[in-house]
């Protein structure tokens, strides 16, 4: 079956498989002994159901900063969209309405201050640089 005759779910499945083969796996800092995170490819829709977006590449980092364990999980959104960038923008909006992102913060207080943990909510302006490529760059016939 040529790539032009694939259904949307078939395209997404092939794109996810290509991503898994290309980038999924552990992240290391300077050497192969110091693992600091992982790249995980996650399909959003299942079967014939499509996701919004169709897949997310999660870049997960786990670091020790000033003696504190800090984790951050950053998404790279992937959308199979024959109509191009403008049609994919709705998926960006849906993703950020549905998914919470956590950005760690470390507060260095006065000497002798007690250690505390907490979570605060913030509203952020997010720029999403969008890159469009042809399906032929991802899927071999």
Foldseek 3Di string as FASTA:
>chain_A
DDPVPDDQVVLLVLLLVLCCVPAWFWDADPDPVRTFWTWDKAAAADDNGAALARIWTWTWGWDQDPNDTDIFIDIDGDHDDPVDDVVSVVSVVVCVVPDDGDDDDDDDDDPPDDDDDDDDDDDDDDDRDDDDDDSCVRDDD
